[in-house]
Amino acid sequence: FSTPCPVWDVQFSPVGHYFASGSHDNSCRLWDVEHDQHLRSFNQHLSDVDCVQWHPNCHYIATGSSDKTVRFWDIRDASSSSCRLFCGHIDTVNALTIDPSGRYLISGGQDKLIYVWDIAAGKKNKHI
C-alpha cells in the first residue's frame, strides 16, 4: 500500500479485511487488505487527519484533525461526505475512541480537553 503523503494513524475495522488511514493530505482513506486496494477517500477536513477510529458496527469511521474538528463518516455512502461534524476543540484532535455500544464518541486534543459526544444526536454530551 502506498500513499502520496505521510500517514499519522491506521486502524483495522473490528471485523478485519478493511483498515482506515489518516494522512497529512487532509484525508482518511479506506483500504481493502484482501484485495490490496484503496476503496475510498474522505476529504472534507481542512488540515491533517491525525486519528481514525471505527464504530463497532463497522459502517462508520470517526476522524480527528488538526482543523480542530471530528467528523463521522458512513463508509457505505458513495458520496464520501461526512454525516456528522463535531466542533468544540480549540486545537488539534489527536485521540478518538467509541464506546462498545456505539452510542458515544470520545475525543481528546492538544487543547487538554476531552469531549464526550452523543453520536446519534450529533452533539456534545459533556467535556472533561
Foldseek 3Di string as FASTA:
>chain_A
DDDPFDWQDKDAQPVGQWMWTWGQQQWIWIAGPVVGDTDDIQHPGPGTFNDKEAQNVRQWMWTWFQSQKIFIFGPVDPVNYTPAIEHDGPGTWHDWDADNVRQWIWIADPSRKIWIAGVVVRYTPDID
